[in-house]
Amino acid sequence: MPYSKLSLDNYLPYRLSVASNAVSGLISTAYDSLYGLKIPEWRLIWVLNEDGPSTQQALVKRTGMDKVTISRAAQALAKRRLITRAPHEHDGRSHHLILTPEGQRLFNDVAPSAVEFEKEVLANLSVEEIELMKDLLRRIEEAATKTQGRSAR
């Protein structure tokens, strides 16, 4: 596409950002009002539920969120006793974040709502379209990661 024809509404990074913000905004409002959770906090709870104890460095890699966002979310969750910290067995400067039983209960309460929000947002798409979209998003993410790795050299 020639540069002069470039349209913001058709520019992939813009479309991805706008779509992500719309979905996150919808979910964020609900999670905050119902459970007092911000999106990064919910994401940490979900990852810790799925992956088990994790270091902040592993959470940065897994979630795509930056260290500061992870740190703030972890502090907020620890303050609410939804996660706890345990020393890292091989690195004295690091620690594992662990979902507490209270955090697990919160995950179990919130997860059905998350599934319902996803269903509502995807209601106008067929099963095949949803699977294709998820596959395409994974491939876009992989391509962007590879490109970023090459440009960092």
N, C-alpha and C. Protein backbone atom coordinates (compact mmCIF):
# COMPACT_ATOMS: atom_id res chain seq x y z
N MET A 1 0.85 -1.18 0.00
CA MET A 1 0.00 0.00 0.00
C MET A 1 0.89 1.24 0.00
N PRO A 2 0.70 2.13 -0.95
CA PRO A 2 1.53 3.35 -1.00
C PRO A 2 1.32 4.19 0.26
N TYR A 3 2.38 4.83 0.67
CA TYR A 3 2.34 5.63 1.89
C TYR A 3 1.25 6.69 1.85
N SER A 4 1.03 7.30 0.70
CA SER A 4 0.02 8.36 0.61
C SER A 4 -1.39 7.83 0.85
N LYS A 5 -1.61 6.54 0.70
CA LYS A 5 -2.92 5.93 0.89
C LYS A 5 -3.11 5.38 2.30
N LEU A 6 -2.10 5.50 3.13
CA LEU A 6 -2.18 4.97 4.48
C LEU A 6 -3.29 5.65 5.26
N SER A 7 -4.16 4.85 5.84
CA SER A 7 -5.28 5.36 6.62
C SER A 7 -5.18 4.82 8.04
N LEU A 8 -5.33 5.70 9.00
CA LEU A 8 -5.23 5.28 10.40
C LEU A 8 -6.24 4.17 10.70
N ASP A 9 -7.45 4.29 10.21
CA ASP A 9 -8.47 3.27 10.49
C ASP A 9 -8.15 1.91 9.90
N ASN A 10 -7.24 1.86 8.94
CA ASN A 10 -6.83 0.58 8.35
C ASN A 10 -5.43 0.14 8.78
N TYR A 11 -4.81 0.89 9.65
CA TYR A 11 -3.44 0.60 10.12
C TYR A 11 -3.51 -0.43 11.24
N LEU A 12 -2.88 -1.58 11.03
CA LEU A 12 -2.99 -2.71 11.96
C LEU A 12 -2.70 -2.35 13.42
N PRO A 13 -1.58 -1.69 13.74
CA PRO A 13 -1.33 -1.38 15.16
C PRO A 13 -2.46 -0.56 15.79
N TYR A 14 -3.00 0.37 15.02
CA TYR A 14 -4.11 1.19 15.52
C TYR A 14 -5.35 0.33 15.76
N ARG A 15 -5.72 -0.51 14.79
CA ARG A 15 -6.91 -1.36 14.93
C ARG A 15 -6.77 -2.30 16.13
N LEU A 16 -5.58 -2.90 16.28
CA LEU A 16 -5.36 -3.80 17.42
C LEU A 16 -5.50 -3.05 18.74
N SER A 17 -4.92 -1.86 18.80
CA SER A 17 -4.97 -1.05 20.02
C SER A 17 -6.39 -0.64 20.36
N VAL A 18 -7.13 -0.16 19.38
CA VAL A 18 -8.50 0.29 19.62
C VAL A 18 -9.37 -0.89 20.05
N ALA A 19 -9.24 -2.02 19.38
CA ALA A 19 -10.02 -3.21 19.76
C ALA A 19 -9.66 -3.67 21.18
N SER A 20 -8.37 -3.72 21.46
CA SER A 20 -7.92 -4.14 22.78
C SER A 20 -8.43 -3.19 23.87
N ASN A 21 -8.34 -1.89 23.61
CA ASN A 21 -8.81 -0.91 24.59
C ASN A 21 -10.31 -1.02 24.82
N ALA A 22 -11.07 -1.26 23.76
CA ALA A 22 -12.53 -1.39 23.90
C ALA A 22 -12.89 -2.61 24.76
N VAL A 23 -12.26 -3.74 24.46
CA VAL A 23 -12.55 -4.96 25.23
C VAL A 23 -12.05 -4.81 26.66
N SER A 24 -10.83 -4.32 26.84
CA SER A 24 -10.28 -4.14 28.18
C SER A 24 -11.10 -3.16 28.99
N GLY A 25 -11.56 -2.08 28.36
CA GLY A 25 -12.37 -1.09 29.06
C GLY A 25 -13.67 -1.67 29.57
N LEU A 26 -14.33 -2.47 28.74
CA LEU A 26 -15.57 -3.13 29.13
C LEU A 26 -15.33 -4.04 30.34
N ILE A 27 -14.32 -4.86 30.23
CA ILE A 27 -14.03 -5.83 31.28
C ILE A 27 -13.50 -5.14 32.53
N SER A 28 -12.65 -4.14 32.36
CA SER A 28 -12.07 -3.43 33.48
C SER A 28 -13.14 -2.80 34.36
N THR A 29 -14.12 -2.17 33.73
CA THR A 29 -15.20 -1.54 34.49
C THR A 29 -15.93 -2.57 35.33
N ALA A 30 -16.22 -3.70 34.74
CA ALA A 30 -16.95 -4.75 35.46
C ALA A 30 -16.11 -5.32 36.60
N TYR A 31 -14.85 -5.66 36.32
CA TYR A 31 -14.00 -6.27 37.35
C TYR A 31 -13.72 -5.31 38.49
N ASP A 32 -13.56 -4.04 38.15
CA ASP A 32 -13.28 -3.05 39.19
C ASP A 32 -14.51 -2.86 40.08
N SER A 33 -15.67 -2.72 39.47
CA SER A 33 -16.87 -2.47 40.27
C SER A 33 -17.31 -3.71 41.04
N LEU A 34 -17.18 -4.89 40.45
CA LEU A 34 -17.63 -6.11 41.12
C LEU A 34 -16.60 -6.70 42.09
N TYR A 35 -15.32 -6.62 41.71
CA TYR A 35 -14.30 -7.33 42.49
C TYR A 35 -13.15 -6.44 42.95
N GLY A 36 -13.17 -5.16 42.58
CA GLY A 36 -12.09 -4.25 42.98
C GLY A 36 -10.77 -4.60 42.32
N LEU A 37 -10.82 -5.14 41.10
CA LEU A 37 -9.61 -5.58 40.39
C LEU A 37 -9.35 -4.71 39.17
N LYS A 38 -8.11 -4.32 39.00
CA LYS A 38 -7.66 -3.68 37.76
C LYS A 38 -7.25 -4.81 36.80
N ILE A 39 -7.20 -4.50 35.50
CA ILE A 39 -6.86 -5.52 34.50
C ILE A 39 -5.51 -6.19 34.80
N PRO A 40 -4.42 -5.46 35.11
CA PRO A 40 -3.15 -6.15 35.40
C PRO A 40 -3.25 -7.09 36.60
N GLU A 41 -4.04 -6.71 37.60
CA GLU A 41 -4.20 -7.57 38.78
C GLU A 41 -4.94 -8.85 38.40
N TRP A 42 -6.01 -8.70 37.62
CA TRP A 42 -6.75 -9.89 37.18
C TRP A 42 -5.86 -10.78 36.32
N ARG A 43 -5.06 -10.18 35.45
CA ARG A 43 -4.19 -10.95 34.58
C ARG A 43 -3.18 -11.75 35.42
N LEU A 44 -2.62 -11.13 36.47
CA LEU A 44 -1.68 -11.85 37.34
C LEU A 44 -2.37 -13.01 38.05
N ILE A 45 -3.56 -12.77 38.56
CA ILE A 45 -4.30 -13.85 39.24
C ILE A 45 -4.53 -15.00 38.27
N TRP A 46 -4.93 -14.68 37.05
CA TRP A 46 -5.21 -15.72 36.06
C TRP A 46 -3.96 -16.51 35.73
N VAL A 47 -2.84 -15.81 35.50
CA VAL A 47 -1.59 -16.50 35.16
C VAL A 47 -1.11 -17.36 36.33
N LEU A 48 -1.18 -16.83 37.54
CA LEU A 48 -0.75 -17.62 38.70
C LEU A 48 -1.66 -18.84 38.89
N ASN A 49 -2.94 -18.69 38.59
CA ASN A 49 -3.84 -19.84 38.66
C ASN A 49 -3.46 -20.89 37.62
N GLU A 50 -3.12 -20.42 36.42
CA GLU A 50 -2.82 -21.33 35.32
C GLU A 50 -1.42 -21.93 35.42
N ASP A 51 -0.43 -21.10 35.76
CA ASP A 51 0.97 -21.52 35.72
C ASP A 51 1.54 -21.91 37.07
N GLY A 52 0.89 -21.54 38.15
CA GLY A 52 1.44 -21.77 39.47
C GLY A 52 2.42 -20.68 39.85
N PRO A 53 3.18 -20.88 40.93
CA PRO A 53 4.11 -19.85 41.40
C PRO A 53 5.04 -19.37 40.28
N SER A 54 5.22 -18.07 40.20
CA SER A 54 6.04 -17.48 39.14
C SER A 54 6.82 -16.29 39.68
N THR A 55 7.97 -16.07 39.08
CA THR A 55 8.75 -14.87 39.41
C THR A 55 8.17 -13.68 38.64
N GLN A 56 8.50 -12.48 39.10
CA GLN A 56 8.04 -11.30 38.38
C GLN A 56 8.61 -11.28 36.96
N GLN A 57 9.85 -11.72 36.81
CA GLN A 57 10.47 -11.77 35.48
C GLN A 57 9.68 -12.72 34.56
N ALA A 58 9.29 -13.87 35.08
CA ALA A 58 8.50 -14.82 34.27
C ALA A 58 7.13 -14.23 33.93
N LEU A 59 6.56 -13.47 34.86
CA LEU A 59 5.26 -12.85 34.61
C LEU A 59 5.36 -11.75 33.55
N VAL A 60 6.46 -11.02 33.53
CA VAL A 60 6.67 -10.02 32.48
C VAL A 60 6.66 -10.71 31.12
N LYS A 61 7.41 -11.78 31.03
CA LYS A 61 7.50 -12.52 29.76
C LYS A 61 6.16 -13.13 29.37
N ARG A 62 5.45 -13.69 30.31
CA ARG A 62 4.17 -14.39 30.03
C ARG A 62 3.04 -13.44 29.66
N THR A 63 3.00 -12.27 30.33
CA THR A 63 1.86 -11.37 30.14
C THR A 63 2.10 -10.26 29.14
N GLY A 64 3.37 -9.95 28.85
CA GLY A 64 3.66 -8.82 27.97
C GLY A 64 3.55 -7.49 28.68
N MET A 65 3.31 -7.51 29.99
CA MET A 65 3.25 -6.27 30.76
C MET A 65 4.65 -5.91 31.24
N ASP A 66 4.91 -4.64 31.48
CA ASP A 66 6.24 -4.22 31.92
C ASP A 66 6.43 -4.49 33.41
N LYS A 67 7.70 -4.38 33.85
CA LYS A 67 8.06 -4.70 35.25
C LYS A 67 7.32 -3.83 36.25
N VAL A 68 7.16 -2.56 35.94
CA VAL A 68 6.50 -1.65 36.87
C VAL A 68 5.03 -2.03 37.04
N THR A 69 4.37 -2.35 35.95
CA THR A 69 2.95 -2.75 36.01
C THR A 69 2.80 -4.03 36.81
N ILE A 70 3.69 -4.99 36.56
CA ILE A 70 3.66 -6.26 37.31
C ILE A 70 3.89 -5.99 38.80
N SER A 71 4.87 -5.17 39.10
CA SER A 71 5.20 -4.87 40.49
C SER A 71 4.03 -4.21 41.21
N ARG A 72 3.41 -3.23 40.58
CA ARG A 72 2.27 -2.54 41.20
C ARG A 72 1.08 -3.48 41.40
N ALA A 73 0.82 -4.30 40.40
CA ALA A 73 -0.28 -5.26 40.51
C ALA A 73 0.00 -6.26 41.63
N ALA A 74 1.24 -6.74 41.70
CA ALA A 74 1.62 -7.70 42.75
C ALA A 74 1.49 -7.07 44.13
N GLN A 75 1.91 -5.83 44.27
CA GLN A 75 1.79 -5.15 45.57
C GLN A 75 0.33 -5.01 45.98
N ALA A 76 -0.53 -4.63 45.04
CA ALA A 76 -1.96 -4.48 45.34
C ALA A 76 -2.57 -5.82 45.74
N LEU A 77 -2.21 -6.88 45.03
CA LEU A 77 -2.75 -8.20 45.33
C LEU A 77 -2.23 -8.73 46.66
N ALA A 78 -0.96 -8.47 46.96
CA ALA A 78 -0.38 -8.90 48.23
C ALA A 78 -1.04 -8.17 49.40
N LYS A 79 -1.31 -6.89 49.20
CA LYS A 79 -1.97 -6.10 50.24
C LYS A 79 -3.35 -6.66 50.56
N ARG A 80 -4.03 -7.19 49.54
CA ARG A 80 -5.36 -7.79 49.73
C ARG A 80 -5.27 -9.27 50.12
N ARG A 81 -4.05 -9.76 50.27
CA ARG A 81 -3.79 -11.16 50.63
C ARG A 81 -4.33 -12.15 49.59
N LEU A 82 -4.27 -11.74 48.33
CA LEU A 82 -4.69 -12.61 47.23
C LEU A 82 -3.50 -13.38 46.67
N ILE A 83 -2.30 -12.83 46.88
CA ILE A 83 -1.06 -13.53 46.55
C ILE A 83 -0.11 -13.38 47.72
N THR A 84 0.89 -14.23 47.72
CA THR A 84 1.95 -14.14 48.72
C THR A 84 3.28 -14.29 48.00
N ARG A 85 4.35 -13.93 48.68
CA ARG A 85 5.69 -14.03 48.10
C ARG A 85 6.48 -15.09 48.86
N ALA A 86 7.26 -15.86 48.11
CA ALA A 86 8.14 -16.86 48.72
C ALA A 86 9.54 -16.68 48.13
N PRO A 87 10.57 -16.89 48.93
CA PRO A 87 11.94 -16.74 48.42
C PRO A 87 12.20 -17.66 47.24
N HIS A 88 13.02 -17.18 46.31
CA HIS A 88 13.44 -17.99 45.17
C HIS A 88 14.58 -18.88 45.63
N GLU A 89 14.50 -20.17 45.31
CA GLU A 89 15.49 -21.13 45.81
C GLU A 89 16.88 -20.93 45.23
N HIS A 90 17.00 -20.30 44.04
CA HIS A 90 18.31 -20.16 43.41
C HIS A 90 18.78 -18.72 43.27
N ASP A 91 17.89 -17.75 43.49
CA ASP A 91 18.24 -16.35 43.28
C ASP A 91 17.74 -15.54 44.47
N GLY A 92 18.64 -15.14 45.33
CA GLY A 92 18.28 -14.40 46.53
C GLY A 92 17.65 -13.05 46.27
N ARG A 93 17.83 -12.51 45.06
CA ARG A 93 17.25 -11.21 44.72
C ARG A 93 15.83 -11.34 44.20
N SER A 94 15.39 -12.55 43.93
CA SER A 94 14.09 -12.78 43.33
C SER A 94 13.20 -13.54 44.30
N HIS A 95 11.93 -13.60 43.98
CA HIS A 95 10.98 -14.39 44.77
C HIS A 95 9.86 -14.87 43.86
N HIS A 96 9.12 -15.84 44.37
CA HIS A 96 7.97 -16.38 43.63
C HIS A 96 6.71 -15.70 44.16
N LEU A 97 5.81 -15.39 43.24
CA LEU A 97 4.48 -14.93 43.62
C LEU A 97 3.56 -16.14 43.55
N ILE A 98 2.75 -16.30 44.58
CA ILE A 98 1.91 -17.49 44.73
C ILE A 98 0.49 -17.06 45.03
N LEU A 99 -0.46 -17.64 44.35
CA LEU A 99 -1.87 -17.38 44.61
C LEU A 99 -2.24 -17.99 45.96
N THR A 100 -2.86 -17.20 46.84
CA THR A 100 -3.31 -17.71 48.14
C THR A 100 -4.66 -18.42 47.96
N PRO A 101 -5.11 -19.16 48.98
CA PRO A 101 -6.45 -19.75 48.88
C PRO A 101 -7.53 -18.69 48.64
N GLU A 102 -7.38 -17.51 49.26
CA GLU A 102 -8.33 -16.42 49.02
C GLU A 102 -8.25 -15.95 47.56
N GLY A 103 -7.05 -15.87 47.02
CA GLY A 103 -6.87 -15.51 45.62
C GLY A 103 -7.48 -16.56 44.69
N GLN A 104 -7.34 -17.81 45.06
CA GLN A 104 -7.93 -18.90 44.28
C GLN A 104 -9.45 -18.80 44.29
N ARG A 105 -10.02 -18.49 45.46
CA ARG A 105 -11.48 -18.33 45.55
C ARG A 105 -11.94 -17.17 44.66
N LEU A 106 -11.18 -16.07 44.69
CA LEU A 106 -11.53 -14.92 43.85
C LEU A 106 -11.47 -15.31 42.37
N PHE A 107 -10.42 -16.02 41.98
CA PHE A 107 -10.34 -16.48 40.58
C PHE A 107 -11.57 -17.30 40.24
N ASN A 108 -11.95 -18.23 41.10
CA ASN A 108 -13.10 -19.09 40.83
C ASN A 108 -14.40 -18.29 40.74
N ASP A 109 -14.48 -17.17 41.47
CA ASP A 109 -15.66 -16.31 41.40
C ASP A 109 -15.69 -15.49 40.11
N VAL A 110 -14.52 -14.99 39.69
CA VAL A 110 -14.43 -14.07 38.56
C VAL A 110 -14.43 -14.81 37.22
N ALA A 111 -13.82 -15.98 37.15
CA ALA A 111 -13.64 -16.69 35.88
C ALA A 111 -14.94 -16.86 35.08
N PRO A 112 -16.06 -17.25 35.70
CA PRO A 112 -17.29 -17.37 34.90
C PRO A 112 -17.70 -16.05 34.25
N SER A 113 -17.50 -14.94 34.94
CA SER A 113 -17.81 -13.62 34.36
C SER A 113 -16.91 -13.35 33.16
N ALA A 114 -15.63 -13.71 33.28
CA ALA A 114 -14.68 -13.50 32.18
C ALA A 114 -15.12 -14.27 30.95
N VAL A 115 -15.56 -15.49 31.14
CA VAL A 115 -16.03 -16.33 30.03
C VAL A 115 -17.28 -15.70 29.39
N GLU A 116 -18.17 -15.19 30.22
CA GLU A 116 -19.39 -14.56 29.70
C GLU A 116 -19.08 -13.29 28.90
N PHE A 117 -18.15 -12.47 29.40
CA PHE A 117 -17.76 -11.26 28.66
C PHE A 117 -17.18 -11.64 27.30
N GLU A 118 -16.32 -12.67 27.29
CA GLU A 118 -15.74 -13.10 26.03
C GLU A 118 -16.84 -13.57 25.07
N LYS A 119 -17.79 -14.33 25.57
CA LYS A 119 -18.90 -14.81 24.73
C LYS A 119 -19.67 -13.63 24.14
N GLU A 120 -19.95 -12.62 24.95
CA GLU A 120 -20.70 -11.45 24.47
C GLU A 120 -19.94 -10.72 23.38
N VAL A 121 -18.65 -10.52 23.60
CA VAL A 121 -17.83 -9.77 22.65
C VAL A 121 -17.71 -10.54 21.33
N LEU A 122 -17.67 -11.85 21.41
CA LEU A 122 -17.48 -12.68 20.20
C LEU A 122 -18.78 -13.22 19.61
N ALA A 123 -19.90 -12.79 20.14
CA ALA A 123 -21.20 -13.35 19.74
C ALA A 123 -21.49 -13.23 18.25
N ASN A 124 -20.96 -12.22 17.57
CA ASN A 124 -21.25 -12.03 16.15
C ASN A 124 -20.28 -12.77 15.24
N LEU A 125 -19.40 -13.57 15.82
CA LEU A 125 -18.44 -14.33 15.03
C LEU A 125 -18.76 -15.82 15.11
N SER A 126 -18.49 -16.53 14.04
CA SER A 126 -18.67 -17.99 14.04
C SER A 126 -17.51 -18.64 14.79
N VAL A 127 -17.67 -19.88 15.14
CA VAL A 127 -16.60 -20.64 15.81
C VAL A 127 -15.35 -20.64 14.94
N GLU A 128 -15.54 -20.82 13.64
CA GLU A 128 -14.39 -20.84 12.71
C GLU A 128 -13.69 -19.48 12.68
N GLU A 129 -14.48 -18.40 12.67
CA GLU A 129 -13.89 -17.05 12.67
C GLU A 129 -13.12 -16.77 13.95
N ILE A 130 -13.65 -17.23 15.07
CA ILE A 130 -12.97 -17.03 16.36
C ILE A 130 -11.64 -17.77 16.36
N GLU A 131 -11.65 -19.02 15.92
CA GLU A 131 -10.41 -19.80 15.88
C GLU A 131 -9.40 -19.18 14.92
N LEU A 132 -9.86 -18.73 13.76
CA LEU A 132 -8.98 -18.08 12.80
C LEU A 132 -8.39 -16.80 13.40
N MET A 133 -9.23 -15.98 14.04
CA MET A 133 -8.76 -14.74 14.64
C MET A 133 -7.68 -15.03 15.70
N LYS A 134 -7.92 -16.00 16.55
CA LYS A 134 -6.94 -16.34 17.59
C LYS A 134 -5.64 -16.82 16.98
N ASP A 135 -5.74 -17.63 15.94
CA ASP A 135 -4.55 -18.11 15.24
C ASP A 135 -3.80 -16.93 14.61
N LEU A 136 -4.52 -16.06 13.95
CA LEU A 136 -3.88 -14.89 13.31
C LEU A 136 -3.22 -13.99 14.34
N LEU A 137 -3.88 -13.77 15.47
CA LEU A 137 -3.29 -12.93 16.52
C LEU A 137 -2.00 -13.54 17.06
N ARG A 138 -1.99 -14.86 17.25
CA ARG A 138 -0.76 -15.54 17.71
C ARG A 138 0.36 -15.38 16.68
N ARG A 139 0.01 -15.52 15.41
CA ARG A 139 1.02 -15.37 14.35
C ARG A 139 1.53 -13.94 14.25
N ILE A 140 0.66 -12.97 14.41
CA ILE A 140 1.08 -11.56 14.41
C ILE A 140 2.02 -11.30 15.59
N GLU A 141 1.66 -11.83 16.75
CA GLU A 141 2.51 -11.67 17.95
C GLU A 141 3.89 -12.29 17.71
N GLU A 142 3.93 -13.50 17.17
CA GLU A 142 5.20 -14.17 16.89
C GLU A 142 6.05 -13.37 15.89
N ALA A 143 5.41 -12.86 14.84
CA ALA A 143 6.13 -12.07 13.84
C ALA A 143 6.68 -10.79 14.45
N ALA A 144 5.88 -10.14 15.28
CA ALA A 144 6.34 -8.90 15.92
C ALA A 144 7.50 -9.19 16.87
N THR A 145 7.42 -10.30 17.60
CA THR A 145 8.50 -10.66 18.53
C THR A 145 9.79 -10.95 17.76
N LYS A 146 9.67 -11.69 16.65
CA LYS A 146 10.85 -11.97 15.82
C LYS A 146 11.45 -10.69 15.27
N THR A 147 10.61 -9.81 14.76
CA THR A 147 11.08 -8.53 14.18
C THR A 147 11.75 -7.69 15.25
N GLN A 148 11.16 -7.66 16.44
CA GLN A 148 11.75 -6.89 17.53
C GLN A 148 13.12 -7.47 17.91
N GLY A 149 13.21 -8.78 17.93
CA GLY A 149 14.49 -9.44 18.25
C GLY A 149 15.58 -9.11 17.25
N ARG A 150 15.21 -9.05 15.98
CA ARG A 150 16.18 -8.70 14.93
C ARG A 150 16.59 -7.24 15.04
N SER A 151 15.66 -6.35 15.35
CA SER A 151 15.99 -4.93 15.40
C SER A 151 16.78 -4.58 16.66
N ALA A 152 16.75 -5.45 17.68
CA ALA A 152 17.48 -5.20 18.92
C ALA A 152 18.96 -5.51 18.77
N ARG A 153 19.32 -6.24 17.72
CA ARG A 153 20.73 -6.64 17.54
C ARG A 153 21.58 -5.51 17.03
